[in-house]
Amino acid sequence: QVQLVESGGGLVQAGGSLRLSCATSGRIFGFKRMGWYRQAPGKERGLVASITSGGTTNYADSVKGRFTIARDNAKNTVYLQMDGLKTEDTAVYYCNGDIYVTRDYYRSNAYWGQGTQVTVSS
């Protein structure tokens, strides 16, 4: 059973930094495009940042210049470095994307983990 495990969240003051990690449990054969999502109370889950297998990144306008997504293909791990945090960044953060469950077949956004809570205080 494939699971995505997010970690690294916590409570931080505005202007501070956190680094989130997304690891996998279960047997996988790599990632294709991966993304970090977040969901604040009363709001829909939305894409914050994404990275392709070739390393091309995209960011939501609200986090451009402050967040950096990265991946370690050898470790099947995705990271989100968050700097200059703002109170509006408070949310539960999730990772998901295209995960190879065999060498030739991947599933898209099929495995939502528990997420990691990020709380930014003023």
N, C-alpha and C. Protein backbone atom coordinates (compact mmCIF):
# COMPACT_ATOMS: atom_id res chain seq x y z
N GLN A 1 0.84 -1.18 0.00
CA GLN A 1 0.00 0.00 0.00
C GLN A 1 0.89 1.24 0.00
N VAL A 2 0.69 2.09 -0.97
CA VAL A 2 1.49 3.31 -1.08
C VAL A 2 0.90 4.39 -0.18
N GLN A 3 1.75 5.04 0.56
CA GLN A 3 1.32 6.18 1.37
C GLN A 3 2.32 7.31 1.21
N LEU A 4 1.80 8.52 1.24
CA LEU A 4 2.63 9.72 1.26
C LEU A 4 2.63 10.26 2.68
N VAL A 5 3.82 10.56 3.18
CA VAL A 5 3.95 11.01 4.56
C VAL A 5 4.60 12.38 4.56
N GLU A 6 3.82 13.39 4.95
CA GLU A 6 4.32 14.75 5.03
C GLU A 6 4.81 15.03 6.44
N SER A 7 5.87 15.82 6.55
CA SER A 7 6.41 16.19 7.86
C SER A 7 7.09 17.55 7.76
N GLY A 8 7.41 18.11 8.92
CA GLY A 8 8.15 19.37 8.95
C GLY A 8 7.33 20.58 9.31
N GLY A 9 6.03 20.41 9.46
CA GLY A 9 5.21 21.55 9.83
C GLY A 9 5.42 21.96 11.28
N GLY A 10 4.77 23.03 11.66
CA GLY A 10 4.88 23.50 13.03
C GLY A 10 4.37 24.90 13.17
N LEU A 11 4.66 25.48 14.32
CA LEU A 11 4.26 26.85 14.63
C LEU A 11 5.48 27.76 14.46
N VAL A 12 5.30 28.82 13.69
CA VAL A 12 6.42 29.73 13.43
C VAL A 12 5.88 31.16 13.38
N GLN A 13 6.71 32.10 13.73
CA GLN A 13 6.30 33.50 13.66
C GLN A 13 6.38 34.00 12.22
N ALA A 14 5.59 34.99 11.94
CA ALA A 14 5.63 35.61 10.61
C ALA A 14 7.06 36.04 10.29
N GLY A 15 7.45 35.76 9.05
CA GLY A 15 8.81 36.04 8.62
C GLY A 15 9.75 34.87 8.76
N GLY A 16 9.32 33.85 9.47
CA GLY A 16 10.16 32.68 9.70
C GLY A 16 10.14 31.70 8.54
N SER A 17 10.80 30.57 8.77
CA SER A 17 10.96 29.56 7.71
C SER A 17 10.63 28.17 8.24
N LEU A 18 10.19 27.33 7.33
CA LEU A 18 10.00 25.91 7.60
C LEU A 18 10.37 25.14 6.34
N ARG A 19 10.78 23.91 6.55
CA ARG A 19 11.06 23.02 5.41
C ARG A 19 10.22 21.77 5.56
N LEU A 20 9.34 21.57 4.61
CA LEU A 20 8.47 20.40 4.61
C LEU A 20 9.09 19.29 3.77
N SER A 21 8.82 18.06 4.20
CA SER A 21 9.28 16.89 3.46
C SER A 21 8.11 15.99 3.15
N CYS A 22 8.19 15.31 2.04
CA CYS A 22 7.16 14.35 1.63
C CYS A 22 7.87 13.07 1.23
N ALA A 23 7.71 12.03 2.03
CA ALA A 23 8.33 10.75 1.76
C ALA A 23 7.25 9.72 1.47
N THR A 24 7.67 8.59 0.99
CA THR A 24 6.71 7.55 0.66
C THR A 24 6.94 6.32 1.51
N SER A 25 5.88 5.63 1.81
CA SER A 25 5.99 4.29 2.36
C SER A 25 5.30 3.36 1.38
N GLY A 26 5.79 2.15 1.28
CA GLY A 26 5.28 1.25 0.25
C GLY A 26 6.20 1.29 -0.96
N ARG A 27 6.05 0.32 -1.82
CA ARG A 27 6.95 0.18 -2.95
C ARG A 27 6.48 1.04 -4.11
N ILE A 28 7.34 1.95 -4.55
CA ILE A 28 7.03 2.74 -5.74
C ILE A 28 8.24 2.70 -6.66
N PHE A 29 8.04 3.18 -7.87
CA PHE A 29 9.09 3.17 -8.88
C PHE A 29 9.44 4.58 -9.33
N GLY A 30 9.20 5.54 -8.45
CA GLY A 30 9.57 6.91 -8.75
C GLY A 30 8.38 7.82 -8.88
N PHE A 31 8.71 9.10 -9.07
CA PHE A 31 7.69 10.14 -9.24
C PHE A 31 7.78 10.71 -10.63
N LYS A 32 6.68 11.24 -11.10
CA LYS A 32 6.71 12.06 -12.30
C LYS A 32 6.54 13.51 -11.83
N ARG A 33 5.45 14.16 -12.16
CA ARG A 33 5.20 15.51 -11.67
C ARG A 33 4.65 15.43 -10.25
N MET A 34 5.19 16.22 -9.33
CA MET A 34 4.74 16.23 -7.96
C MET A 34 4.39 17.65 -7.54
N GLY A 35 3.50 17.76 -6.56
CA GLY A 35 3.10 19.08 -6.11
C GLY A 35 2.85 19.12 -4.62
N TRP A 36 2.91 20.32 -4.10
CA TRP A 36 2.49 20.60 -2.72
C TRP A 36 1.17 21.38 -2.79
N TYR A 37 0.25 20.99 -1.94
CA TYR A 37 -1.06 21.60 -1.86
C TYR A 37 -1.26 22.08 -0.43
N ARG A 38 -2.21 22.98 -0.26
CA ARG A 38 -2.56 23.38 1.09
C ARG A 38 -4.05 23.65 1.19
N GLN A 39 -4.54 23.46 2.43
CA GLN A 39 -5.96 23.70 2.69
C GLN A 39 -6.09 24.41 4.02
N ALA A 40 -6.61 25.62 3.97
CA ALA A 40 -6.88 26.40 5.17
C ALA A 40 -8.31 26.12 5.61
N PRO A 41 -8.62 26.36 6.88
CA PRO A 41 -9.98 26.11 7.36
C PRO A 41 -11.01 26.87 6.54
N GLY A 42 -12.04 26.15 6.12
CA GLY A 42 -13.11 26.78 5.37
C GLY A 42 -12.80 27.06 3.91
N LYS A 43 -11.64 26.63 3.45
CA LYS A 43 -11.24 26.89 2.07
C LYS A 43 -10.97 25.57 1.35
N GLU A 44 -10.99 25.63 0.03
CA GLU A 44 -10.68 24.45 -0.76
C GLU A 44 -9.17 24.22 -0.82
N ARG A 45 -8.82 22.97 -1.04
CA ARG A 45 -7.42 22.62 -1.21
C ARG A 45 -6.92 23.16 -2.53
N GLY A 46 -5.75 23.77 -2.52
CA GLY A 46 -5.21 24.35 -3.74
C GLY A 46 -3.74 24.05 -3.92
N LEU A 47 -3.30 24.08 -5.15
CA LEU A 47 -1.91 23.80 -5.48
C LEU A 47 -1.03 25.00 -5.15
N VAL A 48 0.04 24.73 -4.44
CA VAL A 48 0.97 25.77 -4.04
C VAL A 48 2.19 25.80 -4.96
N ALA A 49 2.73 24.61 -5.23
CA ALA A 49 3.93 24.51 -6.05
C ALA A 49 3.98 23.14 -6.69
N SER A 50 4.62 23.06 -7.84
CA SER A 50 4.78 21.77 -8.51
C SER A 50 6.15 21.69 -9.15
N ILE A 51 6.58 20.44 -9.39
CA ILE A 51 7.88 20.21 -10.01
C ILE A 51 7.77 19.00 -10.92
N THR A 52 8.29 19.12 -12.13
CA THR A 52 8.24 18.01 -13.08
C THR A 52 9.42 17.08 -12.84
N SER A 53 9.41 15.97 -13.54
CA SER A 53 10.53 15.03 -13.42
C SER A 53 11.83 15.66 -13.91
N GLY A 54 11.73 16.63 -14.79
CA GLY A 54 12.92 17.31 -15.29
C GLY A 54 13.35 18.49 -14.44
N GLY A 55 12.58 18.78 -13.41
CA GLY A 55 12.96 19.85 -12.49
C GLY A 55 12.32 21.20 -12.77
N THR A 56 11.42 21.28 -13.73
CA THR A 56 10.73 22.54 -13.99
C THR A 56 9.72 22.79 -12.87
N THR A 57 9.75 24.01 -12.34
CA THR A 57 8.89 24.34 -11.20
C THR A 57 7.85 25.39 -11.57
N ASN A 58 6.75 25.35 -10.85
CA ASN A 58 5.71 26.36 -10.96
C ASN A 58 5.17 26.66 -9.57
N TYR A 59 4.77 27.93 -9.38
CA TYR A 59 4.31 28.35 -8.08
C TYR A 59 3.03 29.16 -8.20
N ALA A 60 2.21 29.06 -7.17
CA ALA A 60 1.07 29.95 -7.06
C ALA A 60 1.61 31.37 -6.85
N ASP A 61 0.88 32.34 -7.37
CA ASP A 61 1.35 33.73 -7.28
C ASP A 61 1.58 34.15 -5.83
N SER A 62 0.78 33.60 -4.92
CA SER A 62 0.85 34.01 -3.52
C SER A 62 2.14 33.58 -2.83
N VAL A 63 2.87 32.62 -3.41
CA VAL A 63 4.08 32.13 -2.75
C VAL A 63 5.34 32.34 -3.58
N LYS A 64 5.19 32.88 -4.78
CA LYS A 64 6.37 33.10 -5.64
C LYS A 64 7.40 33.97 -4.93
N GLY A 65 8.63 33.53 -5.03
CA GLY A 65 9.73 34.28 -4.41
C GLY A 65 9.94 33.95 -2.94
N ARG A 66 9.02 33.19 -2.35
CA ARG A 66 9.15 32.84 -0.93
C ARG A 66 9.30 31.33 -0.73
N PHE A 67 8.64 30.53 -1.56
CA PHE A 67 8.67 29.07 -1.42
C PHE A 67 9.52 28.47 -2.54
N THR A 68 10.17 27.35 -2.23
CA THR A 68 10.96 26.63 -3.21
C THR A 68 10.67 25.14 -3.11
N ILE A 69 10.25 24.56 -4.21
CA ILE A 69 10.00 23.11 -4.25
C ILE A 69 11.23 22.42 -4.84
N ALA A 70 11.54 21.26 -4.29
CA ALA A 70 12.69 20.49 -4.77
C ALA A 70 12.38 19.01 -4.62
N ARG A 71 13.16 18.19 -5.29
CA ARG A 71 12.94 16.75 -5.21
C ARG A 71 14.27 16.03 -5.18
N ASP A 72 14.25 14.87 -4.53
CA ASP A 72 15.40 13.97 -4.51
C ASP A 72 14.91 12.65 -5.09
N ASN A 73 15.20 12.42 -6.36
CA ASN A 73 14.67 11.23 -7.01
C ASN A 73 15.22 9.94 -6.42
N ALA A 74 16.44 9.98 -5.94
CA ALA A 74 17.04 8.79 -5.35
C ALA A 74 16.33 8.37 -4.07
N LYS A 75 15.79 9.35 -3.38
CA LYS A 75 15.10 9.08 -2.11
C LYS A 75 13.59 9.10 -2.26
N ASN A 76 13.10 9.35 -3.47
CA ASN A 76 11.65 9.47 -3.68
C ASN A 76 11.03 10.43 -2.67
N THR A 77 11.65 11.58 -2.55
CA THR A 77 11.22 12.57 -1.56
C THR A 77 11.09 13.93 -2.24
N VAL A 78 10.08 14.66 -1.81
CA VAL A 78 9.85 16.01 -2.32
C VAL A 78 9.88 16.97 -1.14
N TYR A 79 10.42 18.15 -1.35
CA TYR A 79 10.57 19.13 -0.28
C TYR A 79 9.88 20.44 -0.65
N LEU A 80 9.53 21.20 0.38
CA LEU A 80 9.04 22.55 0.18
C LEU A 80 9.72 23.44 1.20
N GLN A 81 10.62 24.28 0.73
CA GLN A 81 11.26 25.27 1.59
C GLN A 81 10.40 26.51 1.60
N MET A 82 9.97 26.91 2.79
CA MET A 82 9.08 28.06 2.93
C MET A 82 9.78 29.13 3.72
N ASP A 83 10.06 30.25 3.10
CA ASP A 83 10.69 31.39 3.74
C ASP A 83 9.75 32.58 3.72
N GLY A 84 10.01 33.54 4.58
CA GLY A 84 9.16 34.72 4.63
C GLY A 84 7.70 34.38 4.86
N LEU A 85 7.46 33.47 5.79
CA LEU A 85 6.09 32.99 6.02
C LEU A 85 5.18 34.11 6.50
N LYS A 86 3.94 34.06 6.05
CA LYS A 86 2.92 35.02 6.40
C LYS A 86 1.77 34.31 7.11
N THR A 87 0.98 35.06 7.84
CA THR A 87 -0.14 34.43 8.55
C THR A 87 -1.09 33.74 7.58
N GLU A 88 -1.21 34.27 6.38
CA GLU A 88 -2.11 33.66 5.40
C GLU A 88 -1.58 32.34 4.83
N ASP A 89 -0.36 31.97 5.19
CA ASP A 89 0.17 30.66 4.79
C ASP A 89 -0.29 29.55 5.73
N THR A 90 -0.96 29.92 6.81
CA THR A 90 -1.44 28.92 7.76
C THR A 90 -2.41 27.97 7.08
N ALA A 91 -2.11 26.67 7.15
CA ALA A 91 -2.92 25.66 6.47
C ALA A 91 -2.34 24.29 6.77
N VAL A 92 -3.07 23.27 6.36
CA VAL A 92 -2.51 21.92 6.33
C VAL A 92 -1.92 21.73 4.93
N TYR A 93 -0.69 21.27 4.89
CA TYR A 93 0.03 21.10 3.63
C TYR A 93 0.11 19.62 3.28
N TYR A 94 -0.16 19.33 2.02
CA TYR A 94 -0.15 17.97 1.51
C TYR A 94 0.73 17.90 0.26
N CYS A 95 1.27 16.73 0.01
CA CYS A 95 1.93 16.52 -1.28
C CYS A 95 1.17 15.44 -2.04
N ASN A 96 1.30 15.48 -3.33
CA ASN A 96 0.69 14.47 -4.18
C ASN A 96 1.20 14.65 -5.60
N GLY A 97 0.86 13.72 -6.46
CA GLY A 97 1.30 13.85 -7.84
C GLY A 97 1.22 12.54 -8.57
N ASP A 98 2.09 12.40 -9.57
CA ASP A 98 2.12 11.22 -10.42
C ASP A 98 3.14 10.24 -9.86
N ILE A 99 2.64 9.12 -9.32
CA ILE A 99 3.50 8.15 -8.66
C ILE A 99 3.50 6.85 -9.45
N TYR A 100 4.69 6.41 -9.83
CA TYR A 100 4.82 5.14 -10.55
C TYR A 100 4.63 3.99 -9.58
N VAL A 101 3.55 3.22 -9.80
CA VAL A 101 3.30 2.05 -8.96
C VAL A 101 3.83 0.78 -9.61
N THR A 102 4.14 0.84 -10.90
CA THR A 102 4.93 -0.15 -11.60
C THR A 102 5.95 0.62 -12.43
N ARG A 103 6.81 -0.05 -13.13
CA ARG A 103 7.83 0.67 -13.92
C ARG A 103 7.22 1.48 -15.05
N ASP A 104 6.05 1.09 -15.49
CA ASP A 104 5.45 1.74 -16.66
C ASP A 104 4.14 2.45 -16.39
N TYR A 105 3.59 2.33 -15.20
CA TYR A 105 2.25 2.85 -14.93
C TYR A 105 2.29 3.75 -13.70
N TYR A 106 1.72 4.96 -13.86
CA TYR A 106 1.65 5.84 -12.70
C TYR A 106 0.20 6.23 -12.43
N ARG A 107 -0.05 6.55 -11.19
CA ARG A 107 -1.37 7.03 -10.77
C ARG A 107 -1.23 8.50 -10.40
N SER A 108 -2.21 9.26 -10.77
CA SER A 108 -2.17 10.71 -10.55
C SER A 108 -3.03 11.09 -9.36
N ASN A 109 -2.40 11.79 -8.41
CA ASN A 109 -3.10 12.32 -7.23
C ASN A 109 -4.01 11.28 -6.56
N ALA A 110 -3.49 10.07 -6.43
CA ALA A 110 -4.31 8.99 -5.88
C ALA A 110 -4.08 8.75 -4.40
N TYR A 111 -3.01 9.30 -3.86
CA TYR A 111 -2.62 8.95 -2.50
C TYR A 111 -2.46 10.20 -1.64
N TRP A 112 -3.55 10.59 -0.98
CA TRP A 112 -3.47 11.74 -0.08
C TRP A 112 -3.04 11.28 1.30
N GLY A 113 -2.00 11.94 1.84
CA GLY A 113 -1.55 11.62 3.19
C GLY A 113 -2.33 12.42 4.22
N GLN A 114 -1.82 12.42 5.45
CA GLN A 114 -2.48 13.14 6.54
C GLN A 114 -2.17 14.63 6.50
N GLY A 115 -1.14 14.99 5.79
CA GLY A 115 -0.76 16.39 5.74
C GLY A 115 0.04 16.79 6.96
N THR A 116 0.60 17.99 6.90
CA THR A 116 1.33 18.53 8.03
C THR A 116 0.86 19.96 8.26
N GLN A 117 0.56 20.27 9.52
CA GLN A 117 0.00 21.57 9.86
C GLN A 117 1.09 22.63 9.94
N VAL A 118 0.85 23.72 9.25
CA VAL A 118 1.72 24.90 9.33
C VAL A 118 0.89 26.04 9.90
N THR A 119 1.37 26.59 11.00
CA THR A 119 0.68 27.71 11.64
C THR A 119 1.65 28.87 11.77
N VAL A 120 1.26 30.00 11.20
CA VAL A 120 2.12 31.19 11.23
C VAL A 120 1.44 32.23 12.11
N SER A 121 2.13 32.63 13.15
CA SER A 121 1.57 33.62 14.09
C SER A 121 2.11 35.01 13.76
N SER A 122 1.30 36.01 14.10
CA SER A 122 1.71 37.40 13.80
C SER A 122 2.54 37.99 14.92
